[in-house]
Amino acid sequence: MALCGLPIPGAVSVKLPDGSEIEVPLAQSRRGVASATASVKKDAGDDPDVTDGCFVTATVAFISTGDIVIRAGEGVGTVTKPGLAIPPGEPAINPVPRSMIRNAIRDVTDHAVEVTISIPGGQEIAEKTFNPRLGVVGGLSILGTSGIVRPFSGEALRDALRCTLNVAAACKVTRPIFVPGRIGVNAAKRLFDPAPEQLVEVSNEWGFMLDEAAGMGFEALLVLGHPGKLGKLAMDQWDTHSSRSTAAVDLVSTLTRELLHEEPPESKTVEGLLMELPEDKRITVSEALAGRIRSAVAQRMGERFPVAVVLVNLSGAVLGTAGDIGPWQRANAPSA
């Protein structure tokens, strides 16, 4: 509106993909000689979002030829890997936000326009998101399908996790490594030297991610992580968040009794229990636990492909394994 010489309002009406409209207050706005800029402050509501409170800025300028060109400014990332909704080399702005930008411009003018989207500080914030693992470099991505934040959106997390699988498949990974988080990532790097796209952080969404992986044509899967977390899978608990699952200590205690014919050491944690055992007995129990986890994961995925399991302690040392881990021991190959 400002670019066309119209008055700059204090708030703008934004048309959402479902046809409804919302009023969004402008945090800043200014008209330049040949461009106009406006900013809004993101309100994530109750959503635990690291981008809550950041400013999103759009700068528009008329161009002599073409249609609508969307560019990444400061703090907006660029896609570098295949498998996402936007091809490599393009600003990390998904199709729905692009469509919303285009429609908003065409509501005002038919001229060719260049739009630059910026998020001050976005490059630093992006390090706390999935973007580096998805191949989005230089900043944040502009996502969304509805145009509004859904509070406490588990769906948003699952969308990001699904993207990691899509990137892996597009990069020709055939044998991914699923890990809960950074302990697993660091251990996998040390033990197997995997390609970056091979490592998939699952967080607590094991049921969702295994179901997704089962339909993606992978050749094999390695599950690697701490027994306190992965032991829950053997108990048919596929959301391993501590508030939505129970500890695996009782399972490991039962295995200890069955295998060693003795009472397990008293401990409130799985690792504490295992580390109290002599090494030979620790290996026996850990490998039995790994086998239980392997069977549970394979059954969850309908025995689609071979599964191997590696259990590590908090320091990343191997406690026990199950299945053939040989295919992952070839260094630096995405399909290894």
C-alpha atoms as a PDB file:
ATOM      1  CA  MET A   1       0.000   0.000   0.000  1.00  0.00           C
ATOM      2  CA  ALA A   2       2.772   2.424   0.932  1.00  0.00           C
ATOM      3  CA  LEU A   3       4.634   1.567  -2.288  1.00  0.00           C
ATOM      4  CA  CYS A   4       1.557   2.587  -4.250  1.00  0.00           C
ATOM      5  CA  GLY A   5       1.343   5.908  -2.427  1.00  0.00           C
ATOM      6  CA  LEU A   6      -1.558   4.909  -0.196  1.00  0.00           C
ATOM      7  CA  PRO A   7      -1.652   5.853   3.503  1.00  0.00           C
ATOM      8  CA  ILE A   8       0.192   3.502   5.852  1.00  0.00           C
ATOM      9  CA  PRO A   9      -2.285   2.015   8.355  1.00  0.00           C
ATOM     10  CA  GLY A  10      -1.483   0.970  11.897  1.00  0.00           C
ATOM     11  CA  ALA A  11      -2.662  -2.561  11.142  1.00  0.00           C
ATOM     12  CA  VAL A  12      -3.224  -4.577   7.995  1.00  0.00           C
ATOM     13  CA  SER A  13      -5.871  -7.120   7.110  1.00  0.00           C
ATOM     14  CA  VAL A  14      -4.301 -10.461   6.170  1.00  0.00           C
ATOM     15  CA  LYS A  15      -6.303 -12.977   4.186  1.00  0.00           C
ATOM     16  CA  LEU A  16      -5.687 -16.543   5.373  1.00  0.00           C
ATOM     17  CA  PRO A  17      -5.689 -19.623   3.127  1.00  0.00           C
ATOM     18  CA  ASP A  18      -9.156 -20.637   4.341  1.00  0.00           C
ATOM     19  CA  GLY A  19     -10.594 -17.299   3.188  1.00  0.00           C
ATOM     20  CA  SER A  20     -10.900 -15.728   6.622  1.00  0.00           C
ATOM     21  CA  GLU A  21      -9.085 -12.530   7.571  1.00  0.00           C
ATOM     22  CA  ILE A  22      -7.211 -11.306  10.626  1.00  0.00           C
ATOM     23  CA  GLU A  23      -5.934  -7.887  11.640  1.00  0.00           C
ATOM     24  CA  VAL A  24      -2.180  -7.754  12.234  1.00  0.00           C
ATOM     25  CA  PRO A  25      -0.713  -4.617  13.885  1.00  0.00           C
ATOM     26  CA  LEU A  26       2.402  -3.144  12.298  1.00  0.00           C
ATOM     27  CA  ALA A  27       5.393  -2.773  14.582  1.00  0.00           C
ATOM     28  CA  GLN A  28       7.194  -0.484  12.165  1.00  0.00           C
ATOM     29  CA  SER A  29       6.606   0.952   8.696  1.00  0.00           C
ATOM     30  CA  ARG A  30       8.321   3.405   6.419  1.00  0.00           C
ATOM     31  CA  ARG A  31       8.201   4.606   2.832  1.00  0.00           C
ATOM     32  CA  GLY A  32      11.499   5.036   0.968  1.00  0.00           C
ATOM     33  CA  VAL A  33      12.305   6.690  -2.341  1.00  0.00           C
ATOM     34  CA  ALA A  34      11.703   3.537  -4.381  1.00  0.00           C
ATOM     35  CA  SER A  35      10.648   1.002  -1.755  1.00  0.00           C
ATOM     36  CA  ALA A  36       8.496   0.491   1.323  1.00  0.00           C
ATOM     37  CA  THR A  37       9.107  -1.557   4.450  1.00  0.00           C
ATOM     38  CA  ALA A  38       6.871  -2.897   7.210  1.00  0.00           C
ATOM     39  CA  SER A  39       7.507  -5.146  10.206  1.00  0.00           C
ATOM     40  CA  VAL A  40       5.336  -7.265  12.448  1.00  0.00           C
ATOM     41  CA  LYS A  41       6.204  -8.915  15.749  1.00  0.00           C
ATOM     42  CA  LYS A  42       5.567 -12.639  15.898  1.00  0.00           C
ATOM     43  CA  ASP A  43       3.220 -13.778  18.642  1.00  0.00           C
ATOM     44  CA  ALA A  44       3.496 -17.534  19.135  1.00  0.00           C
ATOM     45  CA  GLY A  45       0.759 -17.501  21.767  1.00  0.00           C
ATOM     46  CA  ASP A  46       1.127 -20.534  24.032  1.00  0.00           C
ATOM     47  CA  ASP A  47       3.360 -22.340  21.548  1.00  0.00           C
ATOM     48  CA  PRO A  48       6.892 -23.040  22.933  1.00  0.00           C
ATOM     49  CA  ASP A  49       8.557 -21.396  19.927  1.00  0.00           C
ATOM     50  CA  VAL A  50      12.079 -19.920  19.873  1.00  0.00           C
ATOM     51  CA  THR A  51      10.898 -17.386  17.274  1.00  0.00           C
ATOM     52  CA  ASP A  52       8.275 -15.896  19.599  1.00  0.00           C
ATOM     53  CA  GLY A  53       8.735 -12.144  19.766  1.00  0.00           C
ATOM     54  CA  CYS A  54      11.012 -11.816  16.757  1.00  0.00           C
ATOM     55  CA  PHE A  55      10.324  -9.247  14.045  1.00  0.00           C
ATOM     56  CA  VAL A  56       9.485 -10.241  10.477  1.00  0.00           C
ATOM     57  CA  THR A  57      10.126  -7.511   7.932  1.00  0.00           C
ATOM     58  CA  ALA A  58       8.974  -7.207   4.333  1.00  0.00           C
ATOM     59  CA  THR A  59      10.535  -4.720   1.926  1.00  0.00           C
ATOM     60  CA  VAL A  60       8.852  -4.252  -1.452  1.00  0.00           C
ATOM     61  CA  ALA A  61      10.022  -2.436  -4.554  1.00  0.00           C
ATOM     62  CA  PHE A  62       8.750  -2.186  -8.102  1.00  0.00           C
ATOM     63  CA  ILE A  63      10.902  -3.884 -10.754  1.00  0.00           C
ATOM     64  CA  SER A  64      10.863  -3.269 -14.481  1.00  0.00           C
ATOM     65  CA  THR A  65      10.097  -6.765 -15.723  1.00  0.00           C
ATOM     66  CA  GLY A  66       8.799 -10.062 -14.482  1.00  0.00           C
ATOM     67  CA  ASP A  67       6.136 -10.924 -11.971  1.00  0.00           C
ATOM     68  CA  ILE A  68       6.608 -11.224  -8.202  1.00  0.00           C
ATOM     69  CA  VAL A  69      10.127 -12.096  -7.056  1.00  0.00           C
ATOM     70  CA  ILE A  70      10.624 -13.274  -3.462  1.00  0.00           C
ATOM     71  CA  ARG A  71      14.080 -12.942  -1.940  1.00  0.00           C
ATOM     72  CA  ALA A  72      15.656 -13.906   1.378  1.00  0.00           C
ATOM     73  CA  GLY A  73      16.953 -10.983   3.405  1.00  0.00           C
ATOM     74  CA  GLU A  74      18.800 -10.969   6.694  1.00  0.00           C
ATOM     75  CA  GLY A  75      17.950 -13.918   8.907  1.00  0.00           C
ATOM     76  CA  VAL A  76      15.918 -15.873   6.330  1.00  0.00           C
ATOM     77  CA  GLY A  77      17.551 -19.109   5.247  1.00  0.00           C
ATOM     78  CA  THR A  78      18.236 -20.581   1.843  1.00  0.00           C
ATOM     79  CA  VAL A  79      17.413 -24.197   0.954  1.00  0.00           C
ATOM     80  CA  THR A  80      20.525 -26.219   0.060  1.00  0.00           C
ATOM     81  CA  LYS A  81      19.267 -29.824  -0.006  1.00  0.00           C
ATOM     82  CA  PRO A  82      16.514 -31.618  -1.909  1.00  0.00           C
ATOM     83  CA  GLY A  83      13.487 -33.147  -0.229  1.00  0.00           C
ATOM     84  CA  LEU A  84      11.781 -30.002   1.058  1.00  0.00           C
ATOM     85  CA  ALA A  85       8.780 -28.187  -0.389  1.00  0.00           C
ATOM     86  CA  ILE A  86      11.113 -25.580  -1.916  1.00  0.00           C
ATOM     87  CA  PRO A  87      13.992 -26.562  -4.263  1.00  0.00           C
ATOM     88  CA  PRO A  88      17.651 -25.891  -3.434  1.00  0.00           C
ATOM     89  CA  GLY A  89      18.810 -22.349  -4.073  1.00  0.00           C
ATOM     90  CA  GLU A  90      15.481 -20.761  -3.159  1.00  0.00           C
ATOM     91  CA  PRO A  91      14.619 -18.752  -0.039  1.00  0.00           C
ATOM     92  CA  ALA A  92      13.243 -21.032   2.675  1.00  0.00           C
ATOM     93  CA  ILE A  93       9.706 -19.676   2.359  1.00  0.00           C
ATOM     94  CA  ASN A  94       7.148 -22.423   1.911  1.00  0.00           C
ATOM     95  CA  PRO A  95       4.448 -22.511  -0.787  1.00  0.00           C
ATOM     96  CA  VAL A  96       1.553 -21.359   1.424  1.00  0.00           C
ATOM     97  CA  PRO A  97       3.333 -18.231   2.737  1.00  0.00           C
ATOM     98  CA  ARG A  98       4.506 -17.508  -0.825  1.00  0.00           C
ATOM     99  CA  SER A  99       0.931 -17.716  -2.039  1.00  0.00           C
ATOM    100  CA  MET A 100      -0.229 -15.404   0.755  1.00  0.00           C
ATOM    101  CA  ILE A 101       2.477 -12.880  -0.178  1.00  0.00           C
ATOM    102  CA  ARG A 102       1.556 -13.043  -3.834  1.00  0.00           C
ATOM    103  CA  ASN A 103      -2.171 -12.657  -3.200  1.00  0.00           C
ATOM    104  CA  ALA A 104      -1.614  -9.703  -0.863  1.00  0.00           C
ATOM    105  CA  ILE A 105       0.433  -7.909  -3.497  1.00  0.00           C
ATOM    106  CA  ARG A 106      -1.991  -8.619  -6.287  1.00  0.00           C
ATOM    107  CA  ASP A 107      -4.810  -7.201  -4.151  1.00  0.00           C
ATOM    108  CA  VAL A 108      -3.005  -3.845  -4.439  1.00  0.00           C
ATOM    109  CA  THR A 109      -1.111  -3.772  -7.734  1.00  0.00           C
ATOM    110  CA  ASP A 110      -0.532  -5.650 -10.988  1.00  0.00           C
ATOM    111  CA  HIS A 111       3.047  -4.346 -11.348  1.00  0.00           C
ATOM    112  CA  ALA A 112       6.132  -6.543 -11.100  1.00  0.00           C
ATOM    113  CA  VAL A 113       7.355  -6.426  -7.510  1.00  0.00           C
ATOM    114  CA  GLU A 114      10.414  -7.648  -5.634  1.00  0.00           C
ATOM    115  CA  VAL A 115       9.702  -8.756  -2.055  1.00  0.00           C
ATOM    116  CA  THR A 116      12.522  -9.233   0.451  1.00  0.00           C
ATOM    117  CA  ILE A 117      11.625 -10.994   3.700  1.00  0.00           C
ATOM    118  CA  SER A 118      13.989 -10.454   6.640  1.00  0.00           C
ATOM    119  CA  ILE A 119      14.115 -11.635  10.258  1.00  0.00           C
ATOM    120  CA  PRO A 120      16.688  -9.657  12.278  1.00  0.00           C
ATOM    121  CA  GLY A 121      18.666 -12.100  14.401  1.00  0.00           C
ATOM    122  CA  GLY A 122      17.213 -15.033  12.493  1.00  0.00           C
ATOM    123  CA  GLN A 123      20.559 -16.632  11.725  1.00  0.00           C
ATOM    124  CA  GLU A 124      21.363 -16.991  15.424  1.00  0.00           C
ATOM    125  CA  ILE A 125      17.853 -18.214  16.275  1.00  0.00           C
ATOM    126  CA  ALA A 126      18.011 -20.803  13.472  1.00  0.00           C
ATOM    127  CA  GLU A 127      20.805 -22.647  15.278  1.00  0.00           C
ATOM    128  CA  LYS A 128      18.199 -23.679  17.874  1.00  0.00           C
ATOM    129  CA  THR A 129      15.867 -25.168  15.247  1.00  0.00           C
ATOM    130  CA  PHE A 130      15.832 -28.125  12.847  1.00  0.00           C
ATOM    131  CA  ASN A 131      17.020 -25.914   9.983  1.00  0.00           C
ATOM    132  CA  PRO A 132      20.721 -26.847  10.021  1.00  0.00           C
ATOM    133  CA  ARG A 133      19.778 -30.530   9.830  1.00  0.00           C
ATOM    134  CA  LEU A 134      17.372 -29.871   6.970  1.00  0.00           C
ATOM    135  CA  GLY A 135      19.939 -28.042   4.879  1.00  0.00           C
ATOM    136  CA  VAL A 136      18.440 -24.587   5.429  1.00  0.00           C
ATOM    137  CA  VAL A 137      21.417 -22.260   5.892  1.00  0.00           C
ATOM    138  CA  GLY A 138      21.742 -18.624   6.834  1.00  0.00           C
ATOM    139  CA  GLY A 139      18.598 -18.217   8.866  1.00  0.00           C
ATOM    140  CA  LEU A 140      15.054 -19.264   9.643  1.00  0.00           C
ATOM    141  CA  SER A 141      12.416 -20.715   7.359  1.00  0.00           C
ATOM    142  CA  ILE A 142       8.937 -19.279   6.810  1.00  0.00           C
ATOM    143  CA  LEU A 143       6.615 -22.243   7.232  1.00  0.00           C
ATOM    144  CA  GLY A 144       2.909 -22.763   7.813  1.00  0.00           C
ATOM    145  CA  THR A 145      -0.170 -24.096   6.094  1.00  0.00           C
ATOM    146  CA  SER A 146      -2.934 -22.121   7.806  1.00  0.00           C
ATOM    147  CA  GLY A 147      -1.350 -18.717   8.392  1.00  0.00           C
ATOM    148  CA  ILE A 148      -1.840 -18.844  12.169  1.00  0.00           C
ATOM    149  CA  VAL A 149      -0.071 -20.497  15.095  1.00  0.00           C
ATOM    150  CA  ARG A 150      -1.730 -23.537  16.615  1.00  0.00           C
ATOM    151  CA  PRO A 151      -0.976 -23.468  20.370  1.00  0.00           C
ATOM    152  CA  PHE A 152       1.175 -26.284  21.708  1.00  0.00           C
ATOM    153  CA  SER A 153       1.416 -27.637  18.198  1.00  0.00           C
ATOM    154  CA  GLY A 154       2.799 -31.153  18.232  1.00  0.00           C
ATOM    155  CA  GLU A 155       1.923 -31.167  14.571  1.00  0.00           C
ATOM    156  CA  ALA A 156       4.552 -28.497  13.919  1.00  0.00           C
ATOM    157  CA  LEU A 157       7.223 -30.711  15.466  1.00  0.00           C
ATOM    158  CA  ARG A 158       6.056 -33.714  13.469  1.00  0.00           C
ATOM    159  CA  ASP A 159       6.118 -31.660  10.278  1.00  0.00           C
ATOM    160  CA  ALA A 160       9.744 -30.758  10.956  1.00  0.00           C
ATOM    161  CA  LEU A 161      10.626 -34.372  11.750  1.00  0.00           C
ATOM    162  CA  ARG A 162       8.941 -35.548   8.572  1.00  0.00           C
ATOM    163  CA  CYS A 163      11.075 -33.069   6.646  1.00  0.00           C
ATOM    164  CA  THR A 164      14.258 -34.701   7.981  1.00  0.00           C
ATOM    165  CA  LEU A 165      13.104 -38.026   6.526  1.00  0.00           C
ATOM    166  CA  ASN A 166      12.218 -36.418   3.209  1.00  0.00           C
ATOM    167  CA  VAL A 167      15.651 -34.804   3.022  1.00  0.00           C
ATOM    168  CA  ALA A 168      17.320 -38.128   3.851  1.00  0.00           C
ATOM    169  CA  ALA A 169      15.371 -39.932   1.128  1.00  0.00           C
ATOM    170  CA  ALA A 170      16.041 -37.175  -1.422  1.00  0.00           C
ATOM    171  CA  CYS A 171      19.772 -37.382  -0.614  1.00  0.00           C
ATOM    172  CA  LYS A 172      19.702 -41.122  -1.437  1.00  0.00           C
ATOM    173  CA  VAL A 173      20.082 -42.310   2.150  1.00  0.00           C
ATOM    174  CA  THR A 174      18.906 -45.915   2.326  1.00  0.00           C
ATOM    175  CA  ARG A 175      20.010 -46.831   5.860  1.00  0.00           C
ATOM    176  CA  PRO A 176      19.199 -43.987   8.258  1.00  0.00           C
ATOM    177  CA  ILE A 177      20.221 -43.802  11.895  1.00  0.00           C
ATOM    178  CA  PHE A 178      17.465 -42.781  14.318  1.00  0.00           C
ATOM    179  CA  VAL A 179      18.629 -41.147  17.552  1.00  0.00           C
ATOM    180  CA  PRO A 180      16.675 -39.433  20.353  1.00  0.00           C
ATOM    181  CA  GLY A 181      18.922 -36.362  20.557  1.00  0.00           C
ATOM    182  CA  ARG A 182      22.444 -35.005  20.938  1.00  0.00           C
ATOM    183  CA  ILE A 183      23.862 -37.899  22.964  1.00  0.00           C
ATOM    184  CA  GLY A 184      22.879 -40.251  20.161  1.00  0.00           C
ATOM    185  CA  VAL A 185      24.110 -37.856  17.476  1.00  0.00           C
ATOM    186  CA  ASN A 186      27.552 -37.566  19.050  1.00  0.00           C
ATOM    187  CA  ALA A 187      27.844 -41.306  19.649  1.00  0.00           C
ATOM    188  CA  ALA A 188      26.758 -42.134  16.089  1.00  0.00           C
ATOM    189  CA  LYS A 189      29.319 -39.727  14.647  1.00  0.00           C
ATOM    190  CA  ARG A 190      32.072 -41.271  16.719  1.00  0.00           C
ATOM    191  CA  LEU A 191      31.100 -44.885  16.091  1.00  0.00           C
ATOM    192  CA  PHE A 192      29.988 -44.821  12.457  1.00  0.00           C
ATOM    193  CA  ASP A 193      31.039 -41.543  10.807  1.00  0.00           C
ATOM    194  CA  PRO A 194      27.676 -41.186   9.007  1.00  0.00           C
ATOM    195  CA  ALA A 195      26.737 -38.673   6.345  1.00  0.00           C
ATOM    196  CA  PRO A 196      24.869 -35.701   7.869  1.00  0.00           C
ATOM    197  CA  GLU A 197      21.610 -36.622   6.126  1.00  0.00           C
ATOM    198  CA  GLN A 198      21.793 -40.116   7.595  1.00  0.00           C
ATOM    199  CA  LEU A 199      21.339 -38.905  11.153  1.00  0.00           C
ATOM    200  CA  VAL A 200      17.697 -38.360  12.077  1.00  0.00           C
ATOM    201  CA  GLU A 201      16.885 -36.899  15.495  1.00  0.00           C
ATOM    202  CA  VAL A 202      13.544 -38.347  16.523  1.00  0.00           C
ATOM    203  CA  SER A 203      13.115 -36.502  19.829  1.00  0.00           C
ATOM    204  CA  ASN A 204      10.280 -38.356  21.623  1.00  0.00           C
ATOM    205  CA  GLU A 205       8.178 -39.030  18.507  1.00  0.00           C
ATOM    206  CA  TRP A 206       9.215 -42.633  17.935  1.00  0.00           C
ATOM    207  CA  GLY A 207       5.832 -44.003  16.935  1.00  0.00           C
ATOM    208  CA  PHE A 208       5.266 -41.245  14.404  1.00  0.00           C
ATOM    209  CA  MET A 209       8.739 -41.463  12.901  1.00  0.00           C
ATOM    210  CA  LEU A 210       8.810 -45.235  12.666  1.00  0.00           C
ATOM    211  CA  ASP A 211       5.414 -45.217  10.963  1.00  0.00           C
ATOM    212  CA  GLU A 212       6.673 -42.597   8.499  1.00  0.00           C
ATOM    213  CA  ALA A 213       9.903 -44.488   7.828  1.00  0.00           C
ATOM    214  CA  ALA A 214       8.062 -47.754   7.225  1.00  0.00           C
ATOM    215  CA  GLY A 215       6.531 -46.324   4.060  1.00  0.00           C
ATOM    216  CA  MET A 216       9.628 -44.660   2.629  1.00  0.00           C
ATOM    217  CA  GLY A 217      11.487 -47.534   1.013  1.00  0.00           C
ATOM    218  CA  PHE A 218      14.576 -47.561   3.230  1.00  0.00           C
ATOM    219  CA  GLU A 219      16.718 -50.701   3.191  1.00  0.00           C
ATOM    220  CA  ALA A 220      17.526 -50.871   6.896  1.00  0.00           C
ATOM    221  CA  LEU A 221      17.334 -48.835  10.090  1.00  0.00           C
ATOM    222  CA  LEU A 222      19.748 -48.337  12.972  1.00  0.00           C
ATOM    223  CA  VAL A 223      18.277 -47.166  16.286  1.00  0.00           C
ATOM    224  CA  LEU A 224      20.932 -45.713  18.577  1.00  0.00           C
ATOM    225  CA  GLY A 225      20.617 -44.082  21.964  1.00  0.00           C
ATOM    226  CA  HIS A 226      20.496 -44.290  25.729  1.00  0.00           C
ATOM    227  CA  PRO A 227      18.813 -47.368  27.255  1.00  0.00           C
ATOM    228  CA  GLY A 228      16.764 -45.218  29.599  1.00  0.00           C
ATOM    229  CA  LYS A 229      15.043 -43.679  26.599  1.00  0.00           C
ATOM    230  CA  LEU A 230      15.031 -46.540  24.110  1.00  0.00           C
ATOM    231  CA  GLY A 231      14.046 -49.105  26.720  1.00  0.00           C
ATOM    232  CA  LYS A 232      10.579 -47.548  26.690  1.00  0.00           C
ATOM    233  CA  LEU A 233      10.111 -48.763  23.105  1.00  0.00           C
ATOM    234  CA  ALA A 234      10.402 -52.343  24.323  1.00  0.00           C
ATOM    235  CA  MET A 235       7.485 -51.510  26.642  1.00  0.00           C
ATOM    236  CA  ASP A 236       5.341 -50.416  23.693  1.00  0.00           C
ATOM    237  CA  GLN A 237       5.683 -46.756  24.685  1.00  0.00           C
ATOM    238  CA  TRP A 238       6.204 -44.824  21.448  1.00  0.00           C
ATOM    239  CA  ASP A 239       6.061 -41.299  22.867  1.00  0.00           C
ATOM    240  CA  THR A 240       9.049 -41.330  25.196  1.00  0.00           C
ATOM    241  CA  HIS A 241       8.563 -37.932  26.828  1.00  0.00           C
ATOM    242  CA  SER A 242       8.958 -38.342  30.579  1.00  0.00           C
ATOM    243  CA  SER A 243       5.508 -36.863  31.245  1.00  0.00           C
ATOM    244  CA  ARG A 244       3.827 -39.310  28.857  1.00  0.00           C
ATOM    245  CA  SER A 245       5.729 -42.512  29.534  1.00  0.00           C
ATOM    246  CA  THR A 246       7.053 -44.583  32.408  1.00  0.00           C
ATOM    247  CA  ALA A 247      10.677 -45.386  33.204  1.00  0.00           C
ATOM    248  CA  ALA A 248      12.256 -48.596  31.917  1.00  0.00           C
ATOM    249  CA  VAL A 249      13.917 -49.442  35.242  1.00  0.00           C
ATOM    250  CA  ASP A 250      11.398 -52.168  36.066  1.00  0.00           C
ATOM    251  CA  LEU A 251      11.904 -53.801  32.662  1.00  0.00           C
ATOM    252  CA  VAL A 252      15.689 -53.845  33.075  1.00  0.00           C
ATOM    253  CA  SER A 253      15.324 -55.161  36.621  1.00  0.00           C
ATOM    254  CA  THR A 254      13.150 -57.996  35.342  1.00  0.00           C
ATOM    255  CA  LEU A 255      15.662 -58.829  32.603  1.00  0.00           C
ATOM    256  CA  THR A 256      18.423 -58.892  35.203  1.00  0.00           C
ATOM    257  CA  ARG A 257      16.526 -61.378  37.354  1.00  0.00           C
ATOM    258  CA  GLU A 258      15.633 -63.590  34.387  1.00  0.00           C
ATOM    259  CA  LEU A 259      19.102 -63.631  32.849  1.00  0.00           C
ATOM    260  CA  LEU A 260      21.394 -63.520  35.872  1.00  0.00           C
ATOM    261  CA  HIS A 261      19.164 -65.263  38.414  1.00  0.00           C
ATOM    262  CA  GLU A 262      19.974 -62.597  40.988  1.00  0.00           C
ATOM    263  CA  GLU A 263      18.446 -59.448  42.355  1.00  0.00           C
ATOM    264  CA  PRO A 264      19.376 -56.321  40.391  1.00  0.00           C
ATOM    265  CA  PRO A 265      21.226 -53.430  42.050  1.00  0.00           C
ATOM    266  CA  GLU A 266      18.910 -50.802  43.471  1.00  0.00           C
ATOM    267  CA  SER A 267      18.799 -47.765  41.236  1.00  0.00           C
ATOM    268  CA  LYS A 268      16.312 -45.146  40.114  1.00  0.00           C
ATOM    269  CA  THR A 269      17.794 -45.047  36.602  1.00  0.00           C
ATOM    270  CA  VAL A 270      18.481 -47.613  33.910  1.00  0.00           C
ATOM    271  CA  GLU A 271      22.097 -46.548  33.444  1.00  0.00           C
ATOM    272  CA  GLY A 272      22.673 -46.559  37.183  1.00  0.00           C
ATOM    273  CA  LEU A 273      21.418 -50.130  37.391  1.00  0.00           C
ATOM    274  CA  LEU A 274      23.501 -51.312  34.449  1.00  0.00           C
ATOM    275  CA  MET A 275      26.701 -49.623  35.581  1.00  0.00           C
ATOM    276  CA  GLU A 276      26.451 -51.322  38.983  1.00  0.00           C
ATOM    277  CA  LEU A 277      26.724 -54.713  37.264  1.00  0.00           C
ATOM    278  CA  PRO A 278      30.083 -56.333  36.491  1.00  0.00           C
ATOM    279  CA  GLU A 279      31.037 -55.799  32.849  1.00  0.00           C
ATOM    280  CA  ASP A 280      30.172 -59.286  31.620  1.00  0.00           C
ATOM    281  CA  LYS A 281      26.759 -59.183  33.275  1.00  0.00           C
ATOM    282  CA  ARG A 282      26.176 -55.605  32.063  1.00  0.00           C
ATOM    283  CA  ILE A 283      26.777 -56.743  28.493  1.00  0.00           C
ATOM    284  CA  THR A 284      24.403 -59.679  28.912  1.00  0.00           C
ATOM    285  CA  VAL A 285      21.554 -57.508  30.176  1.00  0.00           C
ATOM    286  CA  SER A 286      22.230 -54.661  27.750  1.00  0.00           C
ATOM    287  CA  GLU A 287      22.246 -56.938  24.726  1.00  0.00           C
ATOM    288  CA  ALA A 288      19.014 -58.571  25.873  1.00  0.00           C
ATOM    289  CA  LEU A 289      17.437 -55.130  26.237  1.00  0.00           C
ATOM    290  CA  ALA A 290      18.719 -54.141  22.790  1.00  0.00           C
ATOM    291  CA  GLY A 291      17.129 -57.296  21.398  1.00  0.00           C
ATOM    292  CA  ARG A 292      13.777 -56.447  22.978  1.00  0.00           C
ATOM    293  CA  ILE A 293      13.961 -52.944  21.498  1.00  0.00           C
ATOM    294  CA  ARG A 294      14.899 -54.298  18.079  1.00  0.00           C
ATOM    295  CA  SER A 295      11.939 -56.700  18.065  1.00  0.00           C
ATOM    296  CA  ALA A 296       9.509 -53.976  19.138  1.00  0.00           C
ATOM    297  CA  VAL A 297      10.726 -51.525  16.482  1.00  0.00           C
ATOM    298  CA  ALA A 298      10.660 -54.146  13.727  1.00  0.00           C
ATOM    299  CA  GLN A 299       7.126 -55.173  14.664  1.00  0.00           C
ATOM    300  CA  ARG A 300       5.971 -51.555  14.769  1.00  0.00           C
ATOM    301  CA  MET A 301       7.147 -51.165  11.170  1.00  0.00           C
ATOM    302  CA  GLY A 302       5.654 -54.440  10.030  1.00  0.00           C
ATOM    303  CA  GLU A 303       9.055 -56.094   9.514  1.00  0.00           C
ATOM    304  CA  ARG A 304       9.518 -53.925   6.397  1.00  0.00           C
ATOM    305  CA  PHE A 305      13.337 -54.034   6.581  1.00  0.00           C
ATOM    306  CA  PRO A 306      16.125 -55.088   8.958  1.00  0.00           C
ATOM    307  CA  VAL A 307      16.569 -53.182  12.213  1.00  0.00           C
ATOM    308  CA  ALA A 308      19.676 -52.927  14.369  1.00  0.00           C
ATOM    309  CA  VAL A 309      20.025 -51.322  17.808  1.00  0.00           C
ATOM    310  CA  VAL A 310      23.009 -49.804  19.619  1.00  0.00           C
ATOM    311  CA  LEU A 311      22.680 -48.750  23.253  1.00  0.00           C
ATOM    312  CA  VAL A 312      25.127 -46.191  24.645  1.00  0.00           C
ATOM    313  CA  ASN A 313      25.597 -44.619  28.045  1.00  0.00           C
ATOM    314  CA  LEU A 314      25.595 -40.874  28.728  1.00  0.00           C
ATOM    315  CA  SER A 315      29.267 -40.741  27.727  1.00  0.00           C
ATOM    316  CA  GLY A 316      28.554 -42.393  24.391  1.00  0.00           C
ATOM    317  CA  ALA A 317      30.207 -45.726  25.206  1.00  0.00           C
ATOM    318  CA  VAL A 318      28.522 -48.814  23.799  1.00  0.00           C
ATOM    319  CA  LEU A 319      26.595 -50.906  26.326  1.00  0.00           C
ATOM    320  CA  GLY A 320      25.048 -53.465  24.000  1.00  0.00           C
ATOM    321  CA  THR A 321      23.876 -54.113  20.456  1.00  0.00           C
ATOM    322  CA  ALA A 322      21.340 -56.218  18.585  1.00  0.00           C
ATOM    323  CA  GLY A 323      21.118 -56.986  14.901  1.00  0.00           C
ATOM    324  CA  ASP A 324      23.705 -56.495  12.171  1.00  0.00           C
ATOM    325  CA  ILE A 325      25.428 -53.112  12.540  1.00  0.00           C
ATOM    326  CA  GLY A 326      27.894 -53.865   9.753  1.00  0.00           C
ATOM    327  CA  PRO A 327      26.073 -51.850   7.052  1.00  0.00           C
ATOM    328  CA  TRP A 328      26.634 -48.631   9.048  1.00  0.00           C
ATOM    329  CA  GLN A 329      30.350 -49.184   9.534  1.00  0.00           C
ATOM    330  CA  ARG A 330      31.264 -47.971   6.045  1.00  0.00           C
ATOM    331  CA  ALA A 331      32.519 -44.439   6.511  1.00  0.00           C
ATOM    332  CA  ASN A 332      31.278 -41.323   4.730  1.00  0.00           C
ATOM    333  CA  ALA A 333      28.653 -42.925   2.502  1.00  0.00           C
ATOM    334  CA  PRO A 334      25.047 -41.691   2.595  1.00  0.00           C
ATOM    335  CA  SER A 335      23.816 -45.204   1.807  1.00  0.00           C
ATOM    336  CA  ALA A 336      26.129 -46.834   4.314  1.00  0.00           C
END
